[in-house]
């Protein structure tokens, strides 16, 4: 299944799951006042630290900085 998904989407299953998780994180950061810890739990991240590391690697911003930037 994974090779077919990668051929169709251009991403592995893991990459697609991570993309969907991060898209949800972005929505929650920009539209709610939920604490990052709660956002991490709701989006399947085991810890705030792991969410922050993954989020920063992908976006170049911490979740807090992303939230500030999206709300200015």
PDB file of N, CA and C in Angstrom:
ATOM      1  N   UNK A   1       0.817  -1.196   0.000  1.00  0.00           N
ATOM      2  CA  UNK A   1       0.000   0.000   0.000  1.00  0.00           C
ATOM      3  C   UNK A   1       0.863   1.263   0.000  1.00  0.00           C
ATOM      4  N   UNK A   2       1.907   1.282   0.810  1.00  0.00           N
ATOM      5  CA  UNK A   2       2.721   2.495   0.913  1.00  0.00           C
ATOM      6  C   UNK A   2       3.330   2.926  -0.419  1.00  0.00           C
ATOM      7  N   UNK A   3       3.891   2.024  -1.216  1.00  0.00           N
ATOM      8  CA  UNK A   3       4.434   2.477  -2.514  1.00  0.00           C
ATOM      9  C   UNK A   3       3.376   3.112  -3.411  1.00  0.00           C
ATOM     10  N   UNK A   4       2.162   2.580  -3.360  1.00  0.00           N
ATOM     11  CA  UNK A   4       1.093   3.181  -4.177  1.00  0.00           C
ATOM     12  C   UNK A   4       0.733   4.572  -3.677  1.00  0.00           C
ATOM     13  N   UNK A   5       0.670   4.740  -2.344  1.00  0.00           N
ATOM     14  CA  UNK A   5       0.378   6.063  -1.787  1.00  0.00           C
ATOM     15  C   UNK A   5       1.476   7.039  -2.152  1.00  0.00           C
ATOM     16  N   UNK A   6       2.716   6.600  -2.027  1.00  0.00           N
ATOM     17  CA  UNK A   6       3.827   7.493  -2.348  1.00  0.00           C
ATOM     18  C   UNK A   6       3.778   7.891  -3.825  1.00  0.00           C
ATOM     19  N   UNK A   7       3.460   6.944  -4.679  1.00  0.00           N
ATOM     20  CA  UNK A   7       3.363   7.252  -6.103  1.00  0.00           C
ATOM     21  C   UNK A   7       2.204   8.203  -6.374  1.00  0.00           C
ATOM     22  N   UNK A   8       1.111   8.040  -5.650  1.00  0.00           N
ATOM     23  CA  UNK A   8      -0.067   8.867  -5.863  1.00  0.00           C
ATOM     24  C   UNK A   8       0.073  10.247  -5.229  1.00  0.00           C
ATOM     25  N   UNK A   9       0.529  10.305  -3.990  1.00  0.00           N
ATOM     26  CA  UNK A   9       0.630  11.555  -3.249  1.00  0.00           C
ATOM     27  C   UNK A   9       2.019  12.166  -3.258  1.00  0.00           C
ATOM     28  N   UNK A  10       3.027  11.365  -3.573  1.00  0.00           N
ATOM     29  CA  UNK A  10       4.392  11.866  -3.522  1.00  0.00           C
ATOM     30  C   UNK A  10       4.961  11.867  -2.119  1.00  0.00           C
ATOM     31  N   UNK A  11       4.275  11.191  -1.191  1.00  0.00           N
ATOM     32  CA  UNK A  11       4.698  11.127   0.210  1.00  0.00           C
ATOM     33  C   UNK A  11       4.494   9.708   0.723  1.00  0.00           C
ATOM     34  N   UNK A  12       5.268   9.350   1.743  1.00  0.00           N
ATOM     35  CA  UNK A  12       5.040   8.077   2.415  1.00  0.00           C
ATOM     36  C   UNK A  12       3.820   8.214   3.326  1.00  0.00           C
ATOM     37  N   UNK A  13       3.369   7.099   3.855  1.00  0.00           N
ATOM     38  CA  UNK A  13       2.246   7.124   4.792  1.00  0.00           C
ATOM     39  C   UNK A  13       2.613   7.984   6.003  1.00  0.00           C
ATOM     40  N   UNK A  14       3.806   7.795   6.531  1.00  0.00           N
ATOM     41  CA  UNK A  14       4.252   8.575   7.684  1.00  0.00           C
ATOM     42  C   UNK A  14       4.263  10.073   7.362  1.00  0.00           C
ATOM     43  N   UNK A  15       4.773  10.441   6.202  1.00  0.00           N
ATOM     44  CA  UNK A  15       4.805  11.851   5.815  1.00  0.00           C
ATOM     45  C   UNK A  15       3.401  12.420   5.670  1.00  0.00           C
ATOM     46  N   UNK A  16       2.478  11.632   5.158  1.00  0.00           N
ATOM     47  CA  UNK A  16       1.098  12.097   4.998  1.00  0.00           C
ATOM     48  C   UNK A  16       0.429  12.282   6.360  1.00  0.00           C
ATOM     49  N   UNK A  17       0.652  11.339   7.262  1.00  0.00           N
ATOM     50  CA  UNK A  17       0.100  11.473   8.616  1.00  0.00           C
ATOM     51  C   UNK A  17       0.652  12.721   9.285  1.00  0.00           C
ATOM     52  N   UNK A  18       1.947  12.938   9.177  1.00  0.00           N
ATOM     53  CA  UNK A  18       2.587  14.105   9.793  1.00  0.00           C
ATOM     54  C   UNK A  18       2.041  15.391   9.183  1.00  0.00           C
ATOM     55  N   UNK A  19       1.826  15.402   7.868  1.00  0.00           N
ATOM     56  CA  UNK A  19       1.281  16.589   7.203  1.00  0.00           C
ATOM     57  C   UNK A  19      -0.108  16.917   7.735  1.00  0.00           C
ATOM     58  N   UNK A  20      -0.947  15.902   7.878  1.00  0.00           N
ATOM     59  CA  UNK A  20      -2.303  16.108   8.381  1.00  0.00           C
ATOM     60  C   UNK A  20      -2.258  16.589   9.835  1.00  0.00           C
ATOM     61  N   UNK A  21      -1.392  15.976  10.645  1.00  0.00           N
ATOM     62  CA  UNK A  21      -1.244  16.409  12.039  1.00  0.00           C
ATOM     63  C   UNK A  21      -0.857  17.889  12.104  1.00  0.00           C
ATOM     64  N   UNK A  22       0.145  18.266  11.336  1.00  0.00           N
ATOM     65  CA  UNK A  22       0.631  19.648  11.386  1.00  0.00           C
ATOM     66  C   UNK A  22      -0.387  20.635  10.835  1.00  0.00           C
ATOM     67  N   UNK A  23      -1.140  20.226   9.838  1.00  0.00           N
ATOM     68  CA  UNK A  23      -2.217  21.098   9.345  1.00  0.00           C
ATOM     69  C   UNK A  23      -3.229  21.369  10.453  1.00  0.00           C
ATOM     70  N   UNK A  24      -3.564  20.339  11.220  1.00  0.00           N
ATOM     71  CA  UNK A  24      -4.513  20.499  12.335  1.00  0.00           C
ATOM     72  C   UNK A  24      -3.911  21.371  13.431  1.00  0.00           C
ATOM     73  N   UNK A  25      -2.621  21.175  13.720  1.00  0.00           N
ATOM     74  CA  UNK A  25      -1.939  22.013  14.707  1.00  0.00           C
ATOM     75  C   UNK A  25      -2.031  23.477  14.284  1.00  0.00           C
ATOM     76  N   UNK A  26      -1.766  23.762  13.027  1.00  0.00           N
ATOM     77  CA  UNK A  26      -1.813  25.136  12.533  1.00  0.00           C
ATOM     78  C   UNK A  26      -3.198  25.747  12.712  1.00  0.00           C
ATOM     79  N   UNK A  27      -4.229  24.977  12.405  1.00  0.00           N
ATOM     80  CA  UNK A  27      -5.601  25.474  12.574  1.00  0.00           C
ATOM     81  C   UNK A  27      -5.876  25.783  14.039  1.00  0.00           C
ATOM     82  N   UNK A  28      -5.513  24.855  14.921  1.00  0.00           N
ATOM     83  CA  UNK A  28      -5.769  25.063  16.342  1.00  0.00           C
ATOM     84  C   UNK A  28      -4.976  26.238  16.899  1.00  0.00           C
ATOM     85  N   UNK A  29      -3.741  26.395  16.465  1.00  0.00           N
ATOM     86  CA  UNK A  29      -2.934  27.527  16.939  1.00  0.00           C
ATOM     87  C   UNK A  29      -3.510  28.860  16.486  1.00  0.00           C
ATOM     88  N   UNK A  30      -4.018  28.892  15.280  1.00  0.00           N
ATOM     89  CA  UNK A  30      -4.474  30.174  14.738  1.00  0.00           C
ATOM     90  C   UNK A  30      -5.927  30.500  15.072  1.00  0.00           C
ATOM     91  N   UNK A  31      -6.696  29.519  15.535  1.00  0.00           N
ATOM     92  CA  UNK A  31      -8.119  29.787  15.763  1.00  0.00           C
ATOM     93  C   UNK A  31      -8.585  29.556  17.194  1.00  0.00           C
ATOM     94  N   UNK A  32      -7.695  29.079  18.070  1.00  0.00           N
ATOM     95  CA  UNK A  32      -8.098  28.835  19.455  1.00  0.00           C
ATOM     96  C   UNK A  32      -7.036  29.388  20.406  1.00  0.00           C
ATOM     97  N   UNK A  33      -7.391  29.401  21.672  1.00  0.00           N
ATOM     98  CA  UNK A  33      -6.447  29.764  22.726  1.00  0.00           C
ATOM     99  C   UNK A  33      -6.019  28.539  23.520  1.00  0.00           C
ATOM    100  N   UNK A  34      -6.225  27.361  22.947  1.00  0.00           N
ATOM    101  CA  UNK A  34      -5.839  26.131  23.640  1.00  0.00           C
ATOM    102  C   UNK A  34      -4.342  26.152  23.941  1.00  0.00           C
ATOM    103  N   UNK A  35      -3.956  25.645  25.101  1.00  0.00           N
ATOM    104  CA  UNK A  35      -2.527  25.539  25.397  1.00  0.00           C
ATOM    105  C   UNK A  35      -1.859  24.547  24.446  1.00  0.00           C
ATOM    106  N   UNK A  36      -0.598  24.774  24.180  1.00  0.00           N
ATOM    107  CA  UNK A  36       0.145  23.901  23.269  1.00  0.00           C
ATOM    108  C   UNK A  36       0.119  22.458  23.745  1.00  0.00           C
ATOM    109  N   UNK A  37       0.136  22.253  25.036  1.00  0.00           N
ATOM    110  CA  UNK A  37       0.079  20.893  25.585  1.00  0.00           C
ATOM    111  C   UNK A  37      -1.215  20.196  25.155  1.00  0.00           C
ATOM    112  N   UNK A  38      -2.312  20.904  25.197  1.00  0.00           N
ATOM    113  CA  UNK A  38      -3.595  20.330  24.792  1.00  0.00           C
ATOM    114  C   UNK A  38      -3.638  20.097  23.283  1.00  0.00           C
ATOM    115  N   UNK A  39      -3.073  21.011  22.525  1.00  0.00           N
ATOM    116  CA  UNK A  39      -3.015  20.843  21.066  1.00  0.00           C
ATOM    117  C   UNK A  39      -2.180  19.616  20.723  1.00  0.00           C
ATOM    118  N   UNK A  40      -1.054  19.449  21.406  1.00  0.00           N
ATOM    119  CA  UNK A  40      -0.203  18.277  21.170  1.00  0.00           C
ATOM    120  C   UNK A  40      -0.998  16.995  21.411  1.00  0.00           C
ATOM    121  N   UNK A  41      -1.701  16.937  22.519  1.00  0.00           N
ATOM    122  CA  UNK A  41      -2.484  15.745  22.858  1.00  0.00           C
ATOM    123  C   UNK A  41      -3.587  15.487  21.832  1.00  0.00           C
ATOM    124  N   UNK A  42      -4.260  16.538  21.395  1.00  0.00           N
ATOM    125  CA  UNK A  42      -5.375  16.382  20.450  1.00  0.00           C
ATOM    126  C   UNK A  42      -4.920  15.987  19.052  1.00  0.00           C
ATOM    127  N   UNK A  43      -3.676  16.269  18.732  1.00  0.00           N
ATOM    128  CA  UNK A  43      -3.199  15.999  17.372  1.00  0.00           C
ATOM    129  C   UNK A  43      -2.249  14.806  17.292  1.00  0.00           C
ATOM    130  N   UNK A  44      -2.113  14.077  18.387  1.00  0.00           N
ATOM    131  CA  UNK A  44      -1.360  12.827  18.342  1.00  0.00           C
ATOM    132  C   UNK A  44       0.118  12.930  18.638  1.00  0.00           C
ATOM    133  N   UNK A  45       0.565  14.048  19.167  1.00  0.00           N
ATOM    134  CA  UNK A  45       1.970  14.176  19.550  1.00  0.00           C
ATOM    135  C   UNK A  45       2.107  13.759  21.017  1.00  0.00           C
ATOM    136  N   UNK A  46       3.175  13.034  21.330  1.00  0.00           N
ATOM    137  CA  UNK A  46       3.370  12.511  22.682  1.00  0.00           C
ATOM    138  C   UNK A  46       3.768  13.579  23.687  1.00  0.00           C
ATOM    139  N   UNK A  47       4.331  14.668  23.223  1.00  0.00           N
ATOM    140  CA  UNK A  47       4.772  15.719  24.138  1.00  0.00           C
ATOM    141  C   UNK A  47       4.815  17.055  23.415  1.00  0.00           C
ATOM    142  N   UNK A  48       4.794  18.117  24.199  1.00  0.00           N
ATOM    143  CA  UNK A  48       4.927  19.462  23.646  1.00  0.00           C
ATOM    144  C   UNK A  48       6.304  19.618  23.006  1.00  0.00           C
ATOM    145  N   UNK A  49       7.310  19.044  23.640  1.00  0.00           N
ATOM    146  CA  UNK A  49       8.672  19.168  23.120  1.00  0.00           C
ATOM    147  C   UNK A  49       8.792  18.537  21.727  1.00  0.00           C
ATOM    148  N   UNK A  50       8.192  17.361  21.555  1.00  0.00           N
ATOM    149  CA  UNK A  50       8.261  16.707  20.244  1.00  0.00           C
ATOM    150  C   UNK A  50       7.469  17.502  19.207  1.00  0.00           C
ATOM    151  N   UNK A  51       6.286  17.965  19.574  1.00  0.00           N
ATOM    152  CA  UNK A  51       5.502  18.805  18.666  1.00  0.00           C
ATOM    153  C   UNK A  51       6.308  20.034  18.263  1.00  0.00           C
ATOM    154  N   UNK A  52       6.916  20.690  19.232  1.00  0.00           N
ATOM    155  CA  UNK A  52       7.678  21.901  18.957  1.00  0.00           C
ATOM    156  C   UNK A  52       8.836  21.615  18.004  1.00  0.00           C
ATOM    157  N   UNK A  53       9.540  20.521  18.224  1.00  0.00           N
ATOM    158  CA  UNK A  53      10.678  20.174  17.360  1.00  0.00           C
ATOM    159  C   UNK A  53      10.226  19.893  15.930  1.00  0.00           C
ATOM    160  N   UNK A  54       9.178  19.072  15.783  1.00  0.00           N
ATOM    161  CA  UNK A  54       8.674  18.744  14.441  1.00  0.00           C
ATOM    162  C   UNK A  54       8.127  19.995  13.762  1.00  0.00           C
ATOM    163  N   UNK A  55       7.339  20.768  14.494  1.00  0.00           N
ATOM    164  CA  UNK A  55       6.728  21.977  13.945  1.00  0.00           C
ATOM    165  C   UNK A  55       7.806  22.949  13.474  1.00  0.00           C
ATOM    166  N   UNK A  56       8.824  23.143  14.289  1.00  0.00           N
ATOM    167  CA  UNK A  56       9.909  24.063  13.939  1.00  0.00           C
ATOM    168  C   UNK A  56      10.681  23.562  12.717  1.00  0.00           C
ATOM    169  N   UNK A  57      10.937  22.264  12.647  1.00  0.00           N
ATOM    170  CA  UNK A  57      11.656  21.709  11.498  1.00  0.00           C
ATOM    171  C   UNK A  57      10.902  21.935  10.194  1.00  0.00           C
ATOM    172  N   UNK A  58       9.584  21.881  10.258  1.00  0.00           N
ATOM    173  CA  UNK A  58       8.766  22.018   9.050  1.00  0.00           C
ATOM    174  C   UNK A  58       8.493  23.478   8.710  1.00  0.00           C
ATOM    175  N   UNK A  59       8.173  24.292   9.714  1.00  0.00           N
ATOM    176  CA  UNK A  59       7.735  25.664   9.449  1.00  0.00           C
ATOM    177  C   UNK A  59       8.810  26.720   9.672  1.00  0.00           C
ATOM    178  N   UNK A  60       9.841  26.370  10.447  1.00  0.00           N
ATOM    179  CA  UNK A  60      10.852  27.362  10.804  1.00  0.00           C
ATOM    180  C   UNK A  60      10.429  28.235  11.975  1.00  0.00           C
ATOM    181  N   UNK A  61       9.264  27.938  12.549  1.00  0.00           N
ATOM    182  CA  UNK A  61       8.733  28.703  13.677  1.00  0.00           C
ATOM    183  C   UNK A  61       8.369  27.762  14.813  1.00  0.00           C
ATOM    184  N   UNK A  62       8.431  28.267  16.036  1.00  0.00           N
ATOM    185  CA  UNK A  62       7.879  27.510  17.145  1.00  0.00           C
ATOM    186  C   UNK A  62       6.357  27.656  17.093  1.00  0.00           C
ATOM    187  N   UNK A  63       5.626  26.772  17.754  1.00  0.00           N
ATOM    188  CA  UNK A  63       4.174  26.947  17.784  1.00  0.00           C
ATOM    189  C   UNK A  63       3.759  28.313  18.348  1.00  0.00           C
ATOM    190  N   UNK A  64       4.442  28.775  19.382  1.00  0.00           N
ATOM    191  CA  UNK A  64       4.105  30.084  19.968  1.00  0.00           C
ATOM    192  C   UNK A  64       4.333  31.212  18.963  1.00  0.00           C
ATOM    193  N   UNK A  65       5.440  31.172  18.251  1.00  0.00           N
ATOM    194  CA  UNK A  65       5.711  32.206  17.253  1.00  0.00           C
ATOM    195  C   UNK A  65       4.725  32.131  16.092  1.00  0.00           C
ATOM    196  N   UNK A  66       4.345  30.928  15.703  1.00  0.00           N
ATOM    197  CA  UNK A  66       3.357  30.766  14.640  1.00  0.00           C
ATOM    198  C   UNK A  66       2.029  31.389  15.079  1.00  0.00           C
ATOM    199  N   UNK A  67       1.630  31.105  16.306  1.00  0.00           N
ATOM    200  CA  UNK A  67       0.373  31.656  16.831  1.00  0.00           C
ATOM    201  C   UNK A  67       0.407  33.178  16.826  1.00  0.00           C
ATOM    202  N   UNK A  68       1.498  33.755  17.303  1.00  0.00           N
ATOM    203  CA  UNK A  68       1.627  35.223  17.315  1.00  0.00           C
ATOM    204  C   UNK A  68       1.559  35.789  15.903  1.00  0.00           C
ATOM    205  N   UNK A  69       2.265  35.161  14.988  1.00  0.00           N
ATOM    206  CA  UNK A  69       2.315  35.657  13.610  1.00  0.00           C
ATOM    207  C   UNK A  69       0.948  35.580  12.933  1.00  0.00           C
ATOM    208  N   UNK A  70       0.198  34.531  13.239  1.00  0.00           N
ATOM    209  CA  UNK A  70      -1.114  34.357  12.594  1.00  0.00           C
ATOM    210  C   UNK A  70      -2.180  35.256  13.198  1.00  0.00           C
ATOM    211  N   UNK A  71      -1.899  35.846  14.355  1.00  0.00           N
ATOM    212  CA  UNK A  71      -2.900  36.676  15.029  1.00  0.00           C
ATOM    213  C   UNK A  71      -2.567  38.154  15.047  1.00  0.00           C
ATOM    214  N   UNK A  72      -1.523  38.587  14.459  1.00  0.00           N
ATOM    215  CA  UNK A  72      -1.148  39.995  14.537  1.00  0.00           C
ATOM    216  C   UNK A  72      -2.148  40.786  13.799  1.00  0.00           C
TER     217      UNK A  72
END
